[in-house]
């Protein structure tokens, strides 16, 4: 959502890297985007056309937040080996060591 073309909301419903786990539920992306809009992280632009067309983009505060998340993701990638070592010997329902699994926790 940062510097890419503006995807349609359905894109998030099918995307496992979507904004959150709520996005995997029907209509979940709309709710998540509403929360992000309420928090000032995204801006919504509605077009008076049929069928309805809405575009979302990051607000200035959303850009700041995205930079922080990107920094955290970079840190996780750089330290994933240390994280995996720390996880060894600790009970878990299932062990997943991919970055995607780490971020989803």
Protein backbone atom coordinates (compact mmCIF):
# COMPACT_ATOMS: atom_id res chain seq x y z
CA UNK A 1 0.00 0.00 0.00
CA UNK A 2 2.97 2.32 0.53
CA UNK A 3 4.55 2.99 -2.82
CA UNK A 4 2.72 0.56 -5.06
CA UNK A 5 -0.31 0.98 -7.25
CA UNK A 6 -3.48 1.25 -5.22
CA UNK A 7 -4.88 -2.28 -4.98
CA UNK A 8 -8.58 -2.99 -4.89
CA UNK A 9 -9.98 -4.06 -1.53
CA UNK A 10 -10.53 -7.60 -2.86
CA UNK A 11 -6.76 -7.84 -3.27
CA UNK A 12 -6.39 -7.65 0.50
CA UNK A 13 -9.08 -10.25 1.12
CA UNK A 14 -7.03 -12.80 -0.86
CA UNK A 15 -3.59 -11.67 0.31
CA UNK A 16 -1.97 -13.53 3.23
CA UNK A 17 0.32 -10.51 3.78
CA UNK A 18 -2.71 -8.27 4.13
CA UNK A 19 -3.07 -5.70 6.86
CA UNK A 20 -4.04 -8.24 9.50
CA UNK A 21 -5.69 -11.58 10.07
CA UNK A 22 -9.08 -9.85 9.95
CA UNK A 23 -8.48 -9.41 6.22
CA UNK A 24 -8.98 -13.13 5.61
CA UNK A 25 -12.62 -12.89 6.67
CA UNK A 26 -15.26 -11.73 4.18
CA UNK A 27 -15.51 -7.98 4.57
CA UNK A 28 -12.60 -8.03 7.00
CA UNK A 29 -10.48 -5.71 4.90
CA UNK A 30 -13.19 -3.06 4.90
CA UNK A 31 -13.33 -3.19 8.70
CA UNK A 32 -9.54 -3.05 9.03
CA UNK A 33 -9.33 -0.11 6.64
CA UNK A 34 -12.06 1.67 8.62
CA UNK A 35 -10.05 1.18 11.83
CA UNK A 36 -6.89 2.46 10.14
CA UNK A 37 -8.82 5.45 8.81
CA UNK A 38 -10.26 6.13 12.28
CA UNK A 39 -6.71 6.00 13.69
CA UNK A 40 -5.46 8.45 11.06
CA UNK A 41 -3.17 5.96 9.32
CA UNK A 42 -4.97 5.83 5.98
CA UNK A 43 -6.95 8.30 3.92
CA UNK A 44 -10.06 7.28 2.01
CA UNK A 45 -11.18 8.85 -1.25
CA UNK A 46 -14.61 7.92 -2.56
CA UNK A 47 -15.61 8.50 -6.18
CA UNK A 48 -19.26 9.13 -7.13
CA UNK A 49 -19.42 6.45 -9.82
CA UNK A 50 -21.36 3.27 -10.44
CA UNK A 51 -20.20 0.80 -9.33
CA UNK A 52 -18.77 2.56 -6.27
CA UNK A 53 -15.03 3.15 -6.31
CA UNK A 54 -12.96 3.90 -3.22
CA UNK A 55 -9.20 4.34 -2.96
CA UNK A 56 -7.11 4.18 0.20
CA UNK A 57 -3.66 5.64 0.67
CA UNK A 58 -1.36 6.09 3.61
CA UNK A 59 -1.68 9.35 5.49
CA UNK A 60 1.49 11.15 6.55
CA UNK A 61 1.19 9.42 9.95
CA UNK A 62 0.63 6.11 8.14
CA UNK A 63 3.86 6.64 6.20
CA UNK A 64 5.69 7.16 9.52
CA UNK A 65 4.14 3.99 10.95
CA UNK A 66 5.02 2.02 7.80
CA UNK A 67 8.65 3.10 8.15
CA UNK A 68 8.69 1.80 11.73
CA UNK A 69 7.13 -1.51 10.69
CA UNK A 70 9.65 -1.81 7.86
CA UNK A 71 12.47 -1.23 10.36
CA UNK A 72 11.08 -3.95 12.62
CA UNK A 73 10.74 -6.37 9.68
CA UNK A 74 14.35 -5.61 8.67
CA UNK A 75 15.51 -6.27 12.25
CA UNK A 76 13.61 -9.59 12.30
CA UNK A 77 15.20 -10.64 9.00
CA UNK A 78 18.66 -9.76 10.31
CA UNK A 79 18.08 -11.61 13.59
CA UNK A 80 15.94 -14.56 12.54
CA UNK A 81 18.73 -17.02 13.34
CA UNK A 82 18.97 -15.65 16.90
CA UNK A 83 15.19 -15.81 17.24
CA UNK A 84 15.14 -19.45 16.10
CA UNK A 85 17.91 -20.35 18.57
CA UNK A 86 15.95 -18.65 21.37
CA UNK A 87 12.85 -20.65 20.41
CA UNK A 88 14.64 -24.01 20.58
CA UNK A 89 13.59 -26.13 23.53
CA UNK A 90 10.52 -24.02 24.23
CA UNK A 91 7.12 -25.67 23.77
CA UNK A 92 5.07 -24.36 20.89
CA UNK A 93 1.93 -25.65 19.23
CA UNK A 94 3.80 -25.71 15.94
CA UNK A 95 7.19 -24.34 15.01
CA UNK A 96 7.31 -21.93 12.12
CA UNK A 97 10.45 -19.98 11.45
CA UNK A 98 9.53 -18.01 8.37
CA UNK A 99 9.47 -14.23 8.55
CA UNK A 100 5.79 -14.36 7.66
CA UNK A 101 5.07 -16.58 10.68
CA UNK A 102 7.15 -14.37 12.98
CA UNK A 103 5.32 -11.23 11.91
CA UNK A 104 1.92 -12.91 12.25
CA UNK A 105 2.51 -13.62 15.95
